[in-house]
Amino acid sequence: MNYLAHIFLSGTDDEIMIGNFIGDYIKGQDYNKYPALIKKGILLHRRIDSYTDKHKIICQSKNYFILRYKKYSGIIIDILYDHFLANNWDKFAAQPLDDFKENVFDCLKRNYSVLPERVQFFIPSFIKNDWISVYKSVEGIIAVLNRMSMRTTLPDESEFAREVLRKYYVQLQSEFLIFFPEIIKYVVKKHGVNILLKDNAILE
């Protein structure tokens, strides 16, 4: 799961959301330095990642990209599932995406001093350039992959990713729509997270 999914799966508590948002940047036992609910969010982030990595649907989605991306295929699926979440938002969320984003941006601004330095560095761009909206388009996804290949060890295979998306978009979206209700149920039932859902029948 990437930024949008982790934020949504944090539910209605701002501190849990902050913890979940910064989860990738808190290593080892460093979560103990934070207040209880931020700590809960950090640990929730780890449990979401663990649940996701082991899920059979995720493994199936990775297979479309594994030829070129190999061990990095999971990163591609994290980003791509945010794309599908943004484009299927109204199937899951009670609150419109634009309102949700503004609340998230306001929360990040209010809690800026709590964020790790590495997160503080990119937050102005995250808000100003509305990274969440960038993920809504395929071209936005390809641009993200291009940038990542220039500043990380992610292979420069964005054109391959574009071709896979063109060929398997419907299948990938279908896999996302099977998986996402399952992870919602996981965080609500196993971790007591309060998510504002469009229809609570999803939890049945």
C-alpha atoms as a PDB file:
ATOM      1  CA  MET A   1       0.000   0.000   0.000  1.00  0.00           C
ATOM      2  CA  ASN A   2       1.154   3.522  -0.758  1.00  0.00           C
ATOM      3  CA  TYR A   3       0.289   6.938   0.729  1.00  0.00           C
ATOM      4  CA  LEU A   4      -3.417   7.170  -0.094  1.00  0.00           C
ATOM      5  CA  ALA A   5      -4.260   3.631   0.989  1.00  0.00           C
ATOM      6  CA  HIS A   6      -2.309   3.922   4.244  1.00  0.00           C
ATOM      7  CA  ILE A   7      -4.001   7.231   5.044  1.00  0.00           C
ATOM      8  CA  PHE A   8      -7.477   5.883   4.303  1.00  0.00           C
ATOM      9  CA  LEU A   9      -6.834   2.741   6.352  1.00  0.00           C
ATOM     10  CA  SER A  10      -5.882   4.932   9.324  1.00  0.00           C
ATOM     11  CA  GLY A  11      -9.528   5.831   9.877  1.00  0.00           C
ATOM     12  CA  THR A  12     -10.733   8.975  11.612  1.00  0.00           C
ATOM     13  CA  ASP A  13      -7.981   9.569  14.200  1.00  0.00           C
ATOM     14  CA  ASP A  14      -5.396  12.184  13.175  1.00  0.00           C
ATOM     15  CA  GLU A  15      -2.605  10.765  15.336  1.00  0.00           C
ATOM     16  CA  ILE A  16      -3.063   7.255  13.958  1.00  0.00           C
ATOM     17  CA  MET A  17      -2.969   8.749  10.468  1.00  0.00           C
ATOM     18  CA  ILE A  18       0.270  10.614  11.215  1.00  0.00           C
ATOM     19  CA  GLY A  19       1.845   7.421  12.546  1.00  0.00           C
ATOM     20  CA  ASN A  20       0.705   5.409   9.538  1.00  0.00           C
ATOM     21  CA  PHE A  21       1.913   8.122   7.154  1.00  0.00           C
ATOM     22  CA  ILE A  22       5.435   8.157   8.620  1.00  0.00           C
ATOM     23  CA  GLY A  23       5.609   4.391   9.141  1.00  0.00           C
ATOM     24  CA  ASP A  24       8.216   3.731   6.442  1.00  0.00           C
ATOM     25  CA  TYR A  25      10.568   6.253   8.050  1.00  0.00           C
ATOM     26  CA  ILE A  26      10.524   4.860  11.593  1.00  0.00           C
ATOM     27  CA  LYS A  27      12.912   1.956  11.988  1.00  0.00           C
ATOM     28  CA  GLY A  28      13.216  -0.720  14.640  1.00  0.00           C
ATOM     29  CA  GLN A  29      12.041   0.268  18.113  1.00  0.00           C
ATOM     30  CA  ASP A  30      12.059   4.007  17.377  1.00  0.00           C
ATOM     31  CA  TYR A  31       8.245   3.995  17.401  1.00  0.00           C
ATOM     32  CA  ASN A  32       8.516   4.006  21.214  1.00  0.00           C
ATOM     33  CA  LYS A  33       9.609   7.656  21.043  1.00  0.00           C
ATOM     34  CA  TYR A  34       6.114   8.701  19.939  1.00  0.00           C
ATOM     35  CA  PRO A  35       2.799   9.207  21.785  1.00  0.00           C
ATOM     36  CA  ALA A  36       0.502   6.190  22.071  1.00  0.00           C
ATOM     37  CA  LEU A  37      -1.774   6.827  19.080  1.00  0.00           C
ATOM     38  CA  ILE A  38       1.066   7.812  16.727  1.00  0.00           C
ATOM     39  CA  LYS A  39       2.836   4.659  17.868  1.00  0.00           C
ATOM     40  CA  LYS A  40      -0.340   2.703  17.069  1.00  0.00           C
ATOM     41  CA  GLY A  41      -0.337   4.213  13.574  1.00  0.00           C
ATOM     42  CA  ILE A  42       3.306   3.261  12.982  1.00  0.00           C
ATOM     43  CA  LEU A  43       2.640  -0.317  14.063  1.00  0.00           C
ATOM     44  CA  LEU A  44      -0.556  -0.374  11.983  1.00  0.00           C
ATOM     45  CA  HIS A  45       1.527   0.624   8.956  1.00  0.00           C
ATOM     46  CA  ARG A  46       3.821  -2.342   9.520  1.00  0.00           C
ATOM     47  CA  ARG A  47       0.920  -4.745   9.939  1.00  0.00           C
ATOM     48  CA  ILE A  48      -0.773  -3.476   6.787  1.00  0.00           C
ATOM     49  CA  ASP A  49       2.464  -3.998   4.865  1.00  0.00           C
ATOM     50  CA  SER A  50       2.891  -7.488   6.283  1.00  0.00           C
ATOM     51  CA  TYR A  51      -0.702  -8.458   5.485  1.00  0.00           C
ATOM     52  CA  THR A  52      -0.378  -7.033   1.971  1.00  0.00           C
ATOM     53  CA  ASP A  53       2.947  -8.676   1.132  1.00  0.00           C
ATOM     54  CA  LYS A  54       1.612 -12.137   1.995  1.00  0.00           C
ATOM     55  CA  HIS A  55      -1.772 -11.823   0.286  1.00  0.00           C
ATOM     56  CA  LYS A  56      -2.392 -14.106  -2.698  1.00  0.00           C
ATOM     57  CA  ILE A  57      -4.032 -11.315  -4.730  1.00  0.00           C
ATOM     58  CA  ILE A  58      -0.995  -9.078  -4.303  1.00  0.00           C
ATOM     59  CA  CYS A  59       1.280 -11.931  -5.368  1.00  0.00           C
ATOM     60  CA  GLN A  60      -0.903 -12.369  -8.436  1.00  0.00           C
ATOM     61  CA  SER A  61      -0.701  -8.650  -9.288  1.00  0.00           C
ATOM     62  CA  LYS A  62       3.078  -8.633  -8.884  1.00  0.00           C
ATOM     63  CA  ASN A  63       3.400 -11.302 -11.549  1.00  0.00           C
ATOM     64  CA  TYR A  64       2.505  -8.836 -14.309  1.00  0.00           C
ATOM     65  CA  PHE A  65       5.611  -6.780 -13.505  1.00  0.00           C
ATOM     66  CA  ILE A  66       8.102  -9.308 -12.178  1.00  0.00           C
ATOM     67  CA  LEU A  67       9.844  -9.908 -15.526  1.00  0.00           C
ATOM     68  CA  ARG A  68      11.534  -6.492 -15.442  1.00  0.00           C
ATOM     69  CA  TYR A  69      10.977  -5.206 -11.908  1.00  0.00           C
ATOM     70  CA  LYS A  70      11.798  -8.478 -10.097  1.00  0.00           C
ATOM     71  CA  LYS A  71      12.035  -7.803  -6.325  1.00  0.00           C
ATOM     72  CA  TYR A  72      10.693  -4.276  -6.872  1.00  0.00           C
ATOM     73  CA  SER A  73       7.359  -5.521  -8.239  1.00  0.00           C
ATOM     74  CA  GLY A  74       5.713  -4.925  -4.866  1.00  0.00           C
ATOM     75  CA  ILE A  75       6.594  -1.233  -5.047  1.00  0.00           C
ATOM     76  CA  ILE A  76       4.859  -0.996  -8.419  1.00  0.00           C
ATOM     77  CA  ILE A  77       1.734  -2.631  -6.996  1.00  0.00           C
ATOM     78  CA  ASP A  78       1.754  -0.272  -3.990  1.00  0.00           C
ATOM     79  CA  ILE A  79       1.726   2.709  -6.336  1.00  0.00           C
ATOM     80  CA  LEU A  80      -0.744   1.179  -8.756  1.00  0.00           C
ATOM     81  CA  TYR A  81      -3.226   0.232  -6.042  1.00  0.00           C
ATOM     82  CA  ASP A  82      -3.252   3.879  -4.920  1.00  0.00           C
ATOM     83  CA  HIS A  83      -4.201   4.704  -8.507  1.00  0.00           C
ATOM     84  CA  PHE A  84      -7.101   2.270  -8.384  1.00  0.00           C
ATOM     85  CA  LEU A  85      -8.174   3.492  -4.955  1.00  0.00           C
ATOM     86  CA  ALA A  86      -8.249   7.108  -6.157  1.00  0.00           C
ATOM     87  CA  ASN A  87     -10.312   6.113  -9.181  1.00  0.00           C
ATOM     88  CA  ASN A  88     -12.694   3.889  -7.212  1.00  0.00           C
ATOM     89  CA  TRP A  89     -12.850   6.109  -4.145  1.00  0.00           C
ATOM     90  CA  ASP A  90     -16.637   6.449  -4.114  1.00  0.00           C
ATOM     91  CA  LYS A  91     -17.041   2.681  -3.843  1.00  0.00           C
ATOM     92  CA  PHE A  92     -15.397   2.721  -0.406  1.00  0.00           C
ATOM     93  CA  ALA A  93     -15.322   6.137   1.239  1.00  0.00           C
ATOM     94  CA  ALA A  94     -18.181   8.119   2.747  1.00  0.00           C
ATOM     95  CA  GLN A  95     -16.301  11.400   2.284  1.00  0.00           C
ATOM     96  CA  PRO A  96     -15.489  12.838  -1.179  1.00  0.00           C
ATOM     97  CA  LEU A  97     -11.819  12.483  -2.108  1.00  0.00           C
ATOM     98  CA  ASP A  98     -11.246  16.235  -2.449  1.00  0.00           C
ATOM     99  CA  ASP A  99     -12.552  16.867   1.072  1.00  0.00           C
ATOM    100  CA  PHE A 100     -10.562  13.925   2.410  1.00  0.00           C
ATOM    101  CA  LYS A 101      -7.350  15.251   0.839  1.00  0.00           C
ATOM    102  CA  GLU A 102      -7.808  18.732   2.276  1.00  0.00           C
ATOM    103  CA  ASN A 103      -8.316  17.287   5.757  1.00  0.00           C
ATOM    104  CA  VAL A 104      -5.149  15.219   5.356  1.00  0.00           C
ATOM    105  CA  PHE A 105      -3.141  18.208   4.141  1.00  0.00           C
ATOM    106  CA  ASP A 106      -4.375  20.316   7.071  1.00  0.00           C
ATOM    107  CA  CYS A 107      -3.475  17.531   9.498  1.00  0.00           C
ATOM    108  CA  LEU A 108       0.038  17.220   8.082  1.00  0.00           C
ATOM    109  CA  LYS A 109       0.547  20.983   8.386  1.00  0.00           C
ATOM    110  CA  ARG A 110      -0.660  21.004  11.999  1.00  0.00           C
ATOM    111  CA  ASN A 111       1.614  18.136  12.909  1.00  0.00           C
ATOM    112  CA  TYR A 112       4.633  19.177  10.848  1.00  0.00           C
ATOM    113  CA  SER A 113       6.920  19.421  13.880  1.00  0.00           C
ATOM    114  CA  VAL A 114       6.206  15.788  14.807  1.00  0.00           C
ATOM    115  CA  LEU A 115       7.205  14.423  11.392  1.00  0.00           C
ATOM    116  CA  PRO A 116      10.663  12.906  10.852  1.00  0.00           C
ATOM    117  CA  GLU A 117      13.088  15.191   9.030  1.00  0.00           C
ATOM    118  CA  ARG A 118      12.957  13.110   5.847  1.00  0.00           C
ATOM    119  CA  VAL A 119       9.164  13.460   5.773  1.00  0.00           C
ATOM    120  CA  GLN A 120       9.309  17.195   6.535  1.00  0.00           C
ATOM    121  CA  PHE A 121      11.539  17.537   3.470  1.00  0.00           C
ATOM    122  CA  PHE A 122       8.923  16.307   0.979  1.00  0.00           C
ATOM    123  CA  ILE A 123       5.676  17.405   2.657  1.00  0.00           C
ATOM    124  CA  PRO A 124       5.605  20.881   1.007  1.00  0.00           C
ATOM    125  CA  SER A 125       5.795  19.213  -2.420  1.00  0.00           C
ATOM    126  CA  PHE A 126       3.331  16.490  -1.385  1.00  0.00           C
ATOM    127  CA  ILE A 127       0.771  19.184  -0.585  1.00  0.00           C
ATOM    128  CA  LYS A 128       1.574  21.826  -3.209  1.00  0.00           C
ATOM    129  CA  ASN A 129       1.766  19.354  -6.109  1.00  0.00           C
ATOM    130  CA  ASP A 130      -1.083  17.196  -4.752  1.00  0.00           C
ATOM    131  CA  TRP A 131       0.670  13.867  -5.159  1.00  0.00           C
ATOM    132  CA  ILE A 132      -2.584  12.042  -4.449  1.00  0.00           C
ATOM    133  CA  SER A 133      -4.215  13.510  -7.567  1.00  0.00           C
ATOM    134  CA  VAL A 134      -1.118  12.721  -9.645  1.00  0.00           C
ATOM    135  CA  TYR A 135      -1.744   9.035  -8.950  1.00  0.00           C
ATOM    136  CA  LYS A 136      -5.211   9.178 -10.527  1.00  0.00           C
ATOM    137  CA  SER A 137      -3.918   9.089 -14.113  1.00  0.00           C
ATOM    138  CA  VAL A 138      -1.794   6.457 -15.835  1.00  0.00           C
ATOM    139  CA  GLU A 139       0.497   9.222 -17.083  1.00  0.00           C
ATOM    140  CA  GLY A 140       0.909  10.369 -13.500  1.00  0.00           C
ATOM    141  CA  ILE A 141       1.887   6.833 -12.467  1.00  0.00           C
ATOM    142  CA  ILE A 142       4.459   6.630 -15.272  1.00  0.00           C
ATOM    143  CA  ALA A 143       5.891  10.015 -14.264  1.00  0.00           C
ATOM    144  CA  VAL A 144       6.211   8.813 -10.653  1.00  0.00           C
ATOM    145  CA  LEU A 145       8.062   5.688 -11.791  1.00  0.00           C
ATOM    146  CA  ASN A 146      10.373   7.795 -13.958  1.00  0.00           C
ATOM    147  CA  ARG A 147      11.265  10.054 -11.043  1.00  0.00           C
ATOM    148  CA  MET A 148      11.776   7.126  -8.687  1.00  0.00           C
ATOM    149  CA  SER A 149      14.155   5.430 -11.112  1.00  0.00           C
ATOM    150  CA  MET A 150      16.309   8.576 -11.096  1.00  0.00           C
ATOM    151  CA  ARG A 151      16.600   8.911  -7.309  1.00  0.00           C
ATOM    152  CA  THR A 152      16.268   5.340  -6.023  1.00  0.00           C
ATOM    153  CA  THR A 153      17.373   1.826  -6.990  1.00  0.00           C
ATOM    154  CA  LEU A 154      14.061   1.194  -8.780  1.00  0.00           C
ATOM    155  CA  PRO A 155      14.872  -0.009 -12.328  1.00  0.00           C
ATOM    156  CA  ASP A 156      14.167   2.405 -15.180  1.00  0.00           C
ATOM    157  CA  GLU A 157      11.389   0.321 -16.717  1.00  0.00           C
ATOM    158  CA  SER A 158       8.538   2.813 -16.914  1.00  0.00           C
ATOM    159  CA  GLU A 159       7.809   2.049 -20.567  1.00  0.00           C
ATOM    160  CA  PHE A 160       7.478  -1.627 -19.709  1.00  0.00           C
ATOM    161  CA  ALA A 161       5.105  -0.633 -16.896  1.00  0.00           C
ATOM    162  CA  ARG A 162       3.061   1.458 -19.343  1.00  0.00           C
ATOM    163  CA  GLU A 163       2.721  -1.528 -21.694  1.00  0.00           C
ATOM    164  CA  VAL A 164       1.716  -3.870 -18.864  1.00  0.00           C
ATOM    165  CA  LEU A 165      -0.918  -1.366 -17.725  1.00  0.00           C
ATOM    166  CA  ARG A 166      -2.256  -1.030 -21.249  1.00  0.00           C
ATOM    167  CA  LYS A 167      -2.537  -4.795 -21.594  1.00  0.00           C
ATOM    168  CA  TYR A 168      -3.688  -5.814 -18.110  1.00  0.00           C
ATOM    169  CA  TYR A 169      -5.411  -2.731 -16.689  1.00  0.00           C
ATOM    170  CA  VAL A 170      -8.816  -4.396 -16.332  1.00  0.00           C
ATOM    171  CA  GLN A 171      -7.372  -7.467 -14.631  1.00  0.00           C
ATOM    172  CA  LEU A 172      -5.274  -5.396 -12.234  1.00  0.00           C
ATOM    173  CA  GLN A 173      -8.219  -3.216 -11.297  1.00  0.00           C
ATOM    174  CA  SER A 174     -10.338  -6.311 -10.735  1.00  0.00           C
ATOM    175  CA  GLU A 175      -7.677  -7.723  -8.412  1.00  0.00           C
ATOM    176  CA  PHE A 176      -7.562  -4.461  -6.482  1.00  0.00           C
ATOM    177  CA  LEU A 177     -11.353  -4.484  -6.074  1.00  0.00           C
ATOM    178  CA  ILE A 178     -11.163  -7.983  -4.598  1.00  0.00           C
ATOM    179  CA  PHE A 179      -8.258  -7.179  -2.290  1.00  0.00           C
ATOM    180  CA  PHE A 180      -9.216  -3.799  -0.890  1.00  0.00           C
ATOM    181  CA  PRO A 181     -12.394  -4.814   0.950  1.00  0.00           C
ATOM    182  CA  GLU A 182     -10.367  -7.580   2.578  1.00  0.00           C
ATOM    183  CA  ILE A 183      -7.731  -5.234   3.943  1.00  0.00           C
ATOM    184  CA  ILE A 184     -10.449  -2.857   5.161  1.00  0.00           C
ATOM    185  CA  LYS A 185     -11.994  -5.708   7.139  1.00  0.00           C
ATOM    186  CA  TYR A 186      -8.548  -6.635   8.456  1.00  0.00           C
ATOM    187  CA  VAL A 187      -7.749  -3.204   9.910  1.00  0.00           C
ATOM    188  CA  VAL A 188     -11.270  -2.633  11.263  1.00  0.00           C
ATOM    189  CA  LYS A 189     -11.770  -6.039  12.858  1.00  0.00           C
ATOM    190  CA  LYS A 190      -8.206  -6.883  13.920  1.00  0.00           C
ATOM    191  CA  HIS A 191      -6.979  -3.419  14.889  1.00  0.00           C
ATOM    192  CA  GLY A 192     -10.129  -1.514  15.858  1.00  0.00           C
ATOM    193  CA  VAL A 193      -9.696   1.266  13.313  1.00  0.00           C
ATOM    194  CA  ASN A 194     -12.759   3.450  12.695  1.00  0.00           C
ATOM    195  CA  ILE A 195     -13.044   4.025   8.940  1.00  0.00           C
ATOM    196  CA  LEU A 196     -15.850   6.145   7.484  1.00  0.00           C
ATOM    197  CA  LEU A 197     -17.160   3.768   4.856  1.00  0.00           C
ATOM    198  CA  LYS A 198     -19.755   4.451   2.207  1.00  0.00           C
ATOM    199  CA  ASP A 199     -21.426   1.148   3.096  1.00  0.00           C
ATOM    200  CA  ASN A 200     -20.625  -0.831   6.245  1.00  0.00           C
ATOM    201  CA  ALA A 201     -21.852  -3.952   4.476  1.00  0.00           C
ATOM    202  CA  ILE A 202     -18.275  -4.209   3.244  1.00  0.00           C
ATOM    203  CA  LEU A 203     -17.380  -5.455   6.736  1.00  0.00           C
ATOM    204  CA  GLU A 204     -19.713  -8.446   6.560  1.00  0.00           C
END
